[in-house]
Protein backbone atom coordinates (compact mmCIF):
# COMPACT_ATOMS: atom_id res chain seq x y z
CA MET A 1 -27.47 -0.15 -10.96
CA THR A 2 -27.66 -4.26 -11.60
CA THR A 3 -26.88 -6.97 -9.00
CA ARG A 4 -24.04 -7.86 -10.58
CA SER A 5 -22.76 -4.46 -10.50
CA LEU A 6 -23.32 -3.88 -7.01
CA VAL A 7 -21.39 -7.28 -6.00
CA SER A 8 -18.43 -5.66 -8.13
CA ALA A 9 -18.49 -2.49 -6.54
CA TRP A 10 -18.95 -4.11 -3.05
CA THR A 11 -15.78 -6.64 -3.66
CA HIS A 12 -13.76 -4.02 -5.23
CA PHE A 13 -14.01 -1.94 -1.96
CA TRP A 14 -12.83 -4.25 0.13
CA PHE A 15 -11.06 -6.99 -1.68
CA GLU A 16 -9.23 -5.40 -4.40
CA PRO A 17 -5.80 -7.06 -4.67
CA VAL A 18 -2.99 -4.75 -3.52
CA THR A 19 0.60 -4.71 -2.45
CA PRO A 20 1.11 -4.95 1.50
CA THR A 21 2.71 -1.41 1.34
CA ASN A 22 -0.27 1.01 2.18
CA LEU A 23 -1.27 -1.38 5.28
CA GLY A 24 2.53 -1.96 5.91
CA VAL A 25 3.47 1.56 5.80
CA ALA A 26 0.02 2.94 8.13
CA ARG A 27 0.55 -0.05 10.56
CA CYS A 28 4.02 1.54 11.27
CA LEU A 29 3.30 4.88 11.69
CA PHE A 30 0.13 4.88 13.18
CA PHE A 31 1.72 2.56 15.80
CA LEU A 32 5.04 4.40 16.35
CA GLY A 33 2.66 7.72 16.71
CA LEU A 34 0.93 5.89 19.75
CA SER A 35 4.27 5.08 21.00
CA LEU A 36 5.35 7.91 21.23
CA PHE A 37 2.39 9.47 22.38
CA TYR A 38 1.50 7.08 25.05
CA MET A 39 5.26 6.77 26.28
CA PRO A 40 4.55 9.46 29.11
CA HIS A 41 1.54 8.27 30.46
CA ASP A 42 0.92 6.12 33.45
CA PHE A 43 -2.09 4.23 33.76
CA SER A 44 -1.24 2.73 37.05
CA GLY A 45 -2.96 5.44 39.05
CA TRP A 46 -6.15 3.88 38.43
CA GLY A 47 -5.27 1.54 40.46
CA SER A 48 -5.34 3.83 43.73
CA VAL A 49 -9.09 4.87 42.79
CA SER A 50 -11.24 4.10 45.74
CA PRO A 51 -13.48 1.43 44.56
CA ALA A 52 -16.57 3.49 45.89
CA LEU A 53 -16.16 5.42 42.46
CA PHE A 54 -16.31 2.26 40.12
CA GLN A 55 -19.17 2.57 37.78
CA PRO A 56 -17.90 -0.46 35.26
CA ILE A 57 -18.82 0.27 31.85
CA TRP A 58 -20.48 -2.95 29.45
CA LEU A 59 -17.56 -4.31 28.94
CA PHE A 60 -16.22 -4.32 32.08
CA HIS A 61 -19.51 -5.32 33.87
CA GLN A 62 -20.07 -8.44 31.19
CA PHE A 63 -16.99 -9.65 31.51
CA ARG A 64 -16.06 -9.28 35.26
CA ILE A 65 -12.74 -6.98 34.40
CA PRO A 66 -11.47 -6.14 38.04
CA VAL A 67 -9.33 -2.99 38.24
CA PHE A 68 -6.08 -4.34 39.21
CA GLY A 69 -3.30 -2.81 41.74
CA GLU A 70 -0.79 0.04 40.69
CA GLY A 71 2.08 -2.74 40.83
CA VAL A 72 0.49 -5.02 37.98
CA LEU A 73 -1.11 -1.90 36.32
CA ARG A 74 2.56 -0.74 35.71
CA VAL A 75 3.74 -3.90 34.46
CA LEU A 76 0.86 -4.26 32.00
CA GLN A 77 1.65 -0.58 30.63
CA VAL A 78 4.98 -1.68 30.23
CA THR A 79 4.45 -4.47 28.16
CA TRP A 80 1.88 -2.88 26.55
CA LYS A 81 4.07 -0.05 25.25
CA ALA A 82 6.89 -2.56 24.42
CA ALA A 83 4.24 -4.17 22.14
CA LEU A 84 3.31 -1.22 20.30
CA PHE A 85 6.77 -0.23 19.51
CA CYS A 86 7.14 -3.80 18.35
CA SER A 87 3.77 -3.43 16.15
CA ALA A 88 5.26 -0.61 14.71
CA ILE A 89 8.58 -2.17 13.39
CA GLY A 90 6.87 -5.05 12.77
CA PHE A 91 8.99 -7.57 15.49
CA MET A 92 6.83 -10.63 16.22
CA THR A 93 4.07 -8.72 14.33
CA ARG A 94 0.73 -11.23 14.95
CA PRO A 95 1.79 -11.62 18.53
CA SER A 96 2.41 -8.08 18.98
CA LEU A 97 -0.58 -6.91 17.35
CA VAL A 98 -2.76 -9.06 19.28
CA VAL A 99 -1.13 -7.85 23.10
CA SER A 100 -1.26 -4.54 21.76
CA ALA A 101 -5.06 -4.94 21.24
CA VAL A 102 -5.71 -7.07 24.47
CA LEU A 103 -4.09 -4.73 26.62
CA GLY A 104 -5.22 -1.25 24.43
CA THR A 105 -8.72 -2.24 25.64
CA TYR A 106 -8.24 -2.95 29.10
CA LEU A 107 -5.84 0.50 29.81
CA LEU A 108 -7.79 2.91 27.65
CA GLY A 109 -10.90 1.61 29.08
CA LEU A 110 -10.07 2.03 32.82
CA GLY A 111 -10.60 5.53 32.47
CA GLN A 112 -14.29 4.96 31.39
CA ASN A 113 -15.45 3.39 34.35
CA PHE A 114 -14.75 6.76 36.87
CA GLY A 115 -17.32 8.41 35.37
CA GLN A 116 -16.52 9.73 32.52
CA THR A 117 -16.30 9.16 28.78
CA TYR A 118 -13.13 9.45 26.59
CA HIS A 119 -14.43 9.80 23.22
CA PHE A 120 -11.10 9.36 21.08
CA ASP A 121 -10.12 6.10 22.54
CA ALA A 122 -12.61 3.30 20.74
CA ILE A 123 -11.53 4.72 17.68
CA LEU A 124 -8.06 3.22 18.56
CA VAL A 125 -8.78 0.16 20.01
CA LEU A 126 -11.25 -0.80 17.07
CA ALA A 127 -8.63 -0.48 14.83
CA PHE A 128 -6.07 -2.69 17.28
CA TRP A 129 -8.61 -5.74 16.86
CA ILE A 130 -8.79 -4.73 12.72
CA LEU A 131 -5.07 -5.18 12.33
CA ALA A 132 -4.58 -7.93 14.97
CA PHE A 133 -6.43 -10.10 12.44
CA SER A 134 -4.97 -8.86 9.56
CA ARG A 135 -1.21 -9.89 7.73
CA ALA A 136 -0.13 -6.12 8.55
CA GLY A 137 3.34 -7.50 8.67
CA ASP A 138 3.80 -8.74 5.31
CA GLY A 139 5.17 -5.39 4.40
CA TRP A 140 7.60 -2.59 6.02
CA SER A 141 8.77 -4.69 8.84
CA VAL A 142 11.37 -6.74 10.45
CA ASP A 143 9.46 -10.33 9.80
CA ALA A 144 9.47 -8.92 6.21
CA LEU A 145 13.15 -8.94 6.34
CA ARG A 146 13.67 -11.96 8.04
CA ARG A 147 11.72 -13.78 5.85
CA ALA A 148 13.17 -12.46 3.16
CA ALA A 149 16.64 -13.45 4.49
CA ARG A 150 15.21 -17.18 5.59
CA HIS A 151 13.87 -17.67 2.12
CA ARG A 152 17.02 -15.64 0.30
CA ASP A 153 13.56 -14.10 -1.37
CA ALA A 154 13.85 -10.48 -2.35
CA ALA A 155 10.86 -10.08 -4.18
CA PRO A 156 7.60 -8.72 -2.07
CA ARG A 157 4.40 -10.47 -1.81
CA PRO A 158 2.35 -9.76 -4.39
CA PRO A 159 -0.98 -8.45 -4.65
CA SER A 160 -3.39 -10.07 -2.46
CA LEU A 161 -7.00 -9.12 -1.52
CA GLU A 162 -6.02 -9.58 2.50
CA TYR A 163 -4.20 -6.29 2.18
CA GLN A 164 -7.23 -3.91 1.20
CA TRP A 165 -9.69 -4.73 3.35
CA PRO A 166 -8.26 -3.67 6.91
CA VAL A 167 -7.59 -0.63 5.62
CA GLN A 168 -11.05 0.16 4.64
CA LEU A 169 -12.44 -1.33 7.68
CA VAL A 170 -10.60 1.18 9.65
CA LEU A 171 -11.11 3.98 7.34
CA VAL A 172 -15.05 3.12 7.49
CA ALA A 173 -15.02 3.21 11.38
CA PHE A 174 -13.10 6.32 11.45
CA SER A 175 -16.15 7.73 9.02
CA LEU A 176 -18.82 6.52 10.93
CA VAL A 177 -16.91 7.78 14.30
CA PHE A 178 -17.61 11.76 12.64
CA CYS A 179 -20.54 11.27 10.83
CA ALA A 180 -22.22 10.04 14.12
CA ALA A 181 -21.02 12.85 15.73
CA GLY A 182 -22.47 15.13 13.51
CA ILE A 183 -26.09 13.31 13.06
CA ALA A 184 -26.15 13.47 17.20
CA LYS A 185 -25.79 17.41 17.14
CA LEU A 186 -28.74 17.58 14.68
CA ARG A 187 -30.41 15.05 16.48
CA ALA A 188 -29.96 16.93 19.92
CA SER A 189 -30.37 20.26 19.04
CA GLY A 190 -31.60 20.31 15.34
CA LEU A 191 -30.11 23.17 13.00
CA ARG A 192 -30.30 25.15 16.35
CA TRP A 193 -26.58 24.07 16.83
CA ILE A 194 -25.88 26.44 13.89
CA PHE A 195 -27.60 29.17 14.05
CA SER A 196 -27.98 29.44 17.89
CA ASP A 197 -25.20 31.13 20.17
CA ASN A 198 -24.40 27.42 21.41
CA LEU A 199 -21.20 27.55 19.79
CA ALA A 200 -20.66 31.30 20.90
CA ILE A 201 -21.19 30.02 24.65
CA LEU A 202 -19.10 27.14 24.42
CA LEU A 203 -15.94 29.03 22.79
CA ASP A 204 -16.74 31.80 25.58
CA ARG A 205 -16.81 29.56 28.55
CA VAL A 206 -13.51 28.02 27.75
CA GLN A 207 -11.76 30.72 29.68
CA TYR A 208 -13.40 30.24 32.80
CA HIS A 209 -13.17 26.07 32.67
CA ILE A 210 -10.31 24.32 34.41
CA SER A 211 -9.21 21.44 33.07
CA ASP A 212 -5.92 18.89 32.34
CA ALA A 213 -5.77 20.21 28.58
CA ASP A 214 -6.18 23.65 27.98
CA PRO A 215 -6.75 25.45 25.29
CA VAL A 216 -3.37 25.84 23.04
CA LEU A 217 -4.50 29.83 21.91
CA PRO A 218 -6.50 31.63 23.75
CA TRP A 219 -8.20 33.08 21.00
CA SER A 220 -11.43 31.57 21.88
CA SER A 221 -13.42 34.39 23.56
CA THR A 222 -12.41 36.68 20.74
CA LEU A 223 -13.29 34.77 18.53
CA ALA A 224 -17.04 34.23 19.98
CA ARG A 225 -17.86 38.07 19.30
CA ILE A 226 -16.78 38.26 16.02
CA PRO A 227 -19.97 38.44 14.42
CA GLY A 228 -21.07 35.35 12.41
CA ALA A 229 -17.75 33.49 13.03
CA PRO A 230 -18.94 30.55 15.58
CA MET A 231 -22.09 30.16 12.97
CA MET A 232 -19.75 29.43 9.99
CA LEU A 233 -17.83 27.66 12.47
CA ALA A 234 -20.50 25.39 13.73
CA PHE A 235 -21.79 25.11 10.33
CA SER A 236 -18.30 23.44 8.87
CA THR A 237 -18.26 21.09 11.53
CA ILE A 238 -22.20 19.93 10.64
CA PHE A 239 -20.83 19.50 7.17
CA PHE A 240 -17.61 17.81 7.81
CA GLU A 241 -18.78 15.14 10.44
CA THR A 242 -22.44 14.45 8.74
CA LEU A 243 -21.02 14.35 5.06
CA TYR A 244 -17.47 12.26 6.19
CA PRO A 245 -18.45 9.00 4.64
CA ILE A 246 -18.25 10.77 1.27
CA SER A 247 -14.34 10.37 1.75
CA LEU A 248 -14.89 6.53 1.20
CA PHE A 249 -16.36 6.69 -2.02
CA SER A 250 -14.97 10.03 -3.84
CA ARG A 251 -11.44 10.20 -4.42
CA ARG A 252 -11.83 13.99 -5.85
CA LEU A 253 -13.76 15.36 -2.48
CA ARG A 254 -11.56 12.68 0.29
CA PRO A 255 -8.70 15.38 0.48
CA LEU A 256 -11.21 18.16 1.21
CA PHE A 257 -12.63 15.98 4.14
CA VAL A 258 -9.88 14.64 5.63
CA ILE A 259 -8.40 18.07 5.47
CA GLY A 260 -11.80 19.39 7.11
CA GLY A 261 -11.64 16.50 9.64
CA ILE A 262 -8.19 17.15 10.36
CA GLY A 263 -8.87 21.02 10.80
CA LEU A 264 -12.04 20.10 12.97
CA ILE A 265 -9.92 18.33 15.51
CA LEU A 266 -6.82 20.89 15.37
CA GLY A 267 -9.06 23.43 15.93
CA ILE A 268 -10.90 21.42 18.74
CA ARG A 269 -7.50 21.23 20.08
CA ALA A 270 -6.33 25.04 19.86
CA MET A 271 -9.39 26.56 21.03
CA MET A 272 -11.15 24.39 23.54
CA GLY A 273 -8.52 22.28 24.90
CA PRO A 274 -9.75 18.47 24.48
CA THR A 275 -6.78 16.81 22.93
CA PHE A 276 -7.53 14.58 20.26
CA GLU A 277 -4.13 13.69 18.79
CA ASN A 278 -4.14 10.19 19.01
CA PHE A 279 -7.21 10.12 17.37
CA LEU A 280 -5.38 11.91 14.48
CA LEU A 281 -3.38 8.72 13.80
CA ILE A 282 -6.14 6.83 12.30
CA ASN A 283 -5.39 9.35 9.01
CA PHE A 284 -2.47 7.45 8.20
CA PHE A 285 -4.64 5.05 6.66
CA TRP A 286 -6.12 7.30 4.11
CA VAL A 287 -2.77 7.58 2.23
CA PRO A 288 -1.92 5.67 -1.21
CA TRP A 289 1.75 5.08 -0.29
CA ASP A 290 2.24 3.33 -2.92
CA ARG A 291 1.48 5.63 -5.34
CA VAL A 292 3.63 8.33 -2.92
CA GLY A 293 6.82 5.98 -3.11
CA CYS A 294 6.33 5.64 -7.32
CA TRP A 295 5.93 9.69 -7.09
CA LEU A 296 8.99 10.19 -5.06
CA ARG A 297 11.36 7.61 -7.04
CA ALA A 298 10.18 9.21 -9.88
CA ARG A 299 11.77 12.59 -9.37
CA LEU A 300 14.92 11.58 -7.37
CA THR A 301 17.67 11.03 -9.18
CA SER A 302 18.21 6.88 -10.20
CA ARG A 303 21.78 7.25 -10.46
CA THR A 304 23.56 4.22 -8.35
CA LEU A 305 25.44 5.74 -5.35
CA ILE A 306 26.50 2.71 -4.06
CA TYR A 307 27.89 -0.66 -5.19
CA VAL A 308 27.51 -4.06 -3.19
CA PHE A 309 29.96 -6.59 -3.92
CA TYR A 310 28.85 -10.03 -2.90
CA ASP A 311 30.50 -13.50 -3.12
CA GLY A 312 27.61 -15.63 -4.59
CA GLN A 313 28.79 -18.74 -2.66
CA CYS A 314 28.34 -17.63 0.38
CA GLY A 315 25.48 -18.53 2.54
CA VAL A 316 24.97 -15.73 4.42
CA CYS A 317 25.89 -13.45 1.66
CA ALA A 318 22.83 -14.96 -0.33
CA SER A 319 20.48 -14.38 2.64
CA THR A 320 21.63 -10.41 2.67
CA ILE A 321 21.34 -9.25 -0.85
CA PRO A 322 17.81 -9.94 -0.73
CA VAL A 323 17.52 -7.76 2.58
CA LEU A 324 19.38 -4.78 1.18
CA ARG A 325 16.97 -5.12 -1.77
CA ARG A 326 14.36 -4.59 0.21
CA LEU A 327 15.88 -1.86 1.78
CA ASP A 328 16.94 0.18 -1.26
CA LEU A 329 13.90 1.83 -1.35
CA LEU A 330 15.08 4.67 -4.19
CA ASN A 331 17.21 2.38 -5.92
CA ARG A 332 20.47 3.73 -5.00
CA VAL A 333 22.14 0.56 -4.74
CA GLU A 334 24.08 -1.80 -7.42
CA LEU A 335 24.44 -5.20 -6.19
CA ILE A 336 27.39 -7.56 -7.85
CA ASP A 337 28.58 -10.97 -7.35
CA VAL A 338 32.08 -11.46 -7.16
CA THR A 339 32.44 -14.59 -8.45
CA ARG A 340 30.89 -14.00 -11.52
CA GLN A 341 31.68 -10.37 -12.52
CA TRP A 342 35.16 -9.81 -11.11
CA GLU A 343 36.60 -8.80 -14.44
CA SER A 344 34.12 -5.80 -14.88
CA VAL A 345 34.93 -5.19 -11.18
CA ALA A 346 38.42 -5.24 -11.65
CA ALA A 347 38.43 -3.33 -14.79
CA GLN A 348 36.64 0.19 -13.31
CA PHE A 349 37.62 -0.44 -9.65
CA PRO A 350 41.20 -1.20 -9.78
CA MET A 351 42.28 -0.01 -6.30
CA LEU A 352 40.17 -3.54 -5.11
CA THR A 353 41.49 -7.22 -5.23
CA ARG A 354 39.27 -10.50 -4.92
CA GLU A 355 40.64 -11.50 -2.24
CA ARG A 356 40.19 -8.55 -0.35
CA CYS A 357 36.64 -8.21 -1.65
CA LEU A 358 35.97 -11.74 -0.28
CA THR A 359 37.69 -11.02 3.11
CA ASP A 360 36.23 -7.80 4.21
CA MET A 361 34.00 -5.03 3.55
CA HIS A 362 35.01 -2.16 1.38
CA ALA A 363 34.23 1.33 0.95
CA VAL A 364 35.66 3.60 -1.73
CA SER A 365 34.63 7.48 -1.97
CA ALA A 366 34.92 9.60 -4.70
CA ASP A 367 38.20 10.75 -3.26
CA GLY A 368 39.79 7.45 -3.51
CA SER A 369 39.86 6.92 0.03
CA VAL A 370 39.42 3.45 1.22
CA HIS A 371 37.29 2.18 3.97
CA THR A 372 36.80 -1.38 5.27
CA GLY A 373 35.11 -3.26 7.91
CA PHE A 374 32.44 -1.34 10.16
CA ASP A 375 33.37 2.22 8.33
CA ALA A 376 31.83 0.35 5.24
CA TYR A 377 28.41 0.97 6.79
CA HIS A 378 28.45 4.53 6.30
CA ALA A 379 28.53 4.54 2.82
CA LEU A 380 25.41 2.53 3.23
CA SER A 381 23.49 4.61 5.95
CA ARG A 382 23.82 7.73 3.11
CA VAL A 383 21.70 6.24 0.90
CA LEU A 384 19.44 3.66 2.57
CA PRO A 385 16.46 5.33 3.94
CA LEU A 386 16.22 3.15 6.75
CA GLY A 387 20.37 4.13 7.69
CA TRP A 388 19.14 8.02 7.88
CA LEU A 389 18.08 7.03 11.24
CA ALA A 390 21.12 5.15 11.96
CA ARG A 391 23.79 7.62 10.84
CA PRO A 392 23.56 10.31 14.41
CA ILE A 393 24.11 7.52 16.35
CA LEU A 394 27.08 5.50 14.28
CA HIS A 395 28.68 9.24 14.28
CA PHE A 396 29.74 8.58 18.30
CA THR A 397 33.34 7.58 18.93
CA ALA A 398 32.09 4.86 21.41
CA VAL A 399 29.86 3.39 18.58
CA GLN A 400 32.15 3.21 16.40
CA ARG A 401 34.74 2.03 18.20
CA LEU A 402 32.23 -0.97 19.45
CA GLY A 403 31.37 -1.42 15.95
CA ARG A 404 34.73 -1.80 14.85
CA ARG A 405 35.49 -4.34 17.31
CA VAL A 406 32.62 -6.63 16.89
CA TYR A 407 32.96 -6.62 13.54
CA ARG A 408 36.41 -7.28 13.81
CA ARG A 409 35.85 -10.21 15.94
CA VAL A 410 32.72 -11.53 13.70
CA ALA A 411 35.31 -11.46 10.54
CA ASP A 412 37.86 -13.06 11.93
CA HIS A 413 35.28 -16.09 12.98
CA ARG A 414 33.18 -16.78 9.90
CA GLY A 415 36.39 -18.11 7.64
CA ARG A 416 34.43 -17.61 3.95
CA SER A 417 30.80 -17.68 5.22
CA CYS A 418 30.27 -13.95 4.64
CA LYS A 419 32.35 -11.94 2.71
CA ILE A 420 31.05 -8.75 0.96
CA ALA A 421 32.67 -4.95 -0.30
CA VAL A 422 30.89 -1.90 -0.52
CA VAL A 423 32.13 0.69 -2.76
CA SER A 424 31.02 4.72 -2.64
CA ALA A 425 30.40 5.02 -6.86
CA PRO A 426 32.68 7.93 -8.33
CA ALA A 427 31.83 6.95 -11.83
CA ALA A 428 29.32 5.34 -13.95
CA PRO A 429 27.79 2.45 -13.08
CA LEU A 430 28.55 -0.99 -14.21
CA SER A 431 25.43 -1.59 -15.30
CA ARG A 432 21.70 -0.54 -14.53
């Protein structure tokens, strides 16, 4: 392979122009999973540990980072958990990612200073910092929707080399974690780690070992006594760990090693007890979410289910329509400017009047019943994937009453600033 070919392969690996979809979806799912995982965790207890037990790791020692008291730690952990959630939804993404990285490094590092090392935290901290320096908020974020509304532009960000390297860097770090674990086993014990009774003893002693995280399944001792089973598991562990970086370069073998790595983590949790659930969240970065979206859209019906009629001369509506286009992931919404296409609208939907369409939101279901105002949001919530999350809340009577009251107040005081009509389409679409 020539030098030019190597440079081209290197550039393609790190800086292939791609859309922000993969980075945005992975960021969203990764931080959402972390938000749920760490929600019940309380880090404030470290503030009450005796200073005599404090054995600072390099980071805390080099920068003389103190262990704060319980009150300060409570404030920091609440701030961190809020930053994790904001990073997930992409609200003030860059500041949220930076806060997540800074406080995450501190809070997750606290436990390392008292005589025990938690191996599954390091990759999370690395991912925090990688994403903090990336443009992870350009897609699948509240910030992206706000930009679309502010600039009245529904077009997503074009492919860019800025969206490839963060995903690749996270995956490279993840692969090296697996590979280093396998190499460490071979360096310490060689092939005896596989062909000796080492793993059988580890599995057998679990039933006598008291830990904060007990095995999910009480089968470890039984498994240890099956002839050849511990050696087979040990060989599989070494195989998947040491060769895991192959998944970075081979698309054919990638599913094998990724699924094998997930199997290792789940097996350790089920049979031996150590908790690596948060470690699994890195696997979201392996998924080609742009291809998944294309695959789903190709297999789901493209029939228009909702017509949205808007006033093209309304400034607020002009800002809202790009947001609706971004949220219409399944192509189920037909957007029609009433001021330009009213003749077609009147012909297909005679129950509507132009004046009403420019005054309140309207929804007409297949049975001909008309819903106006806040109730029209139910129509959109059925076809917009993000609306599916809101539907359980919209069914509460108290929420409906409050929504109708707020909508009526806003509608009565906006004049002609925002007038949209929504129609559930019982008939064929106007145009597609």
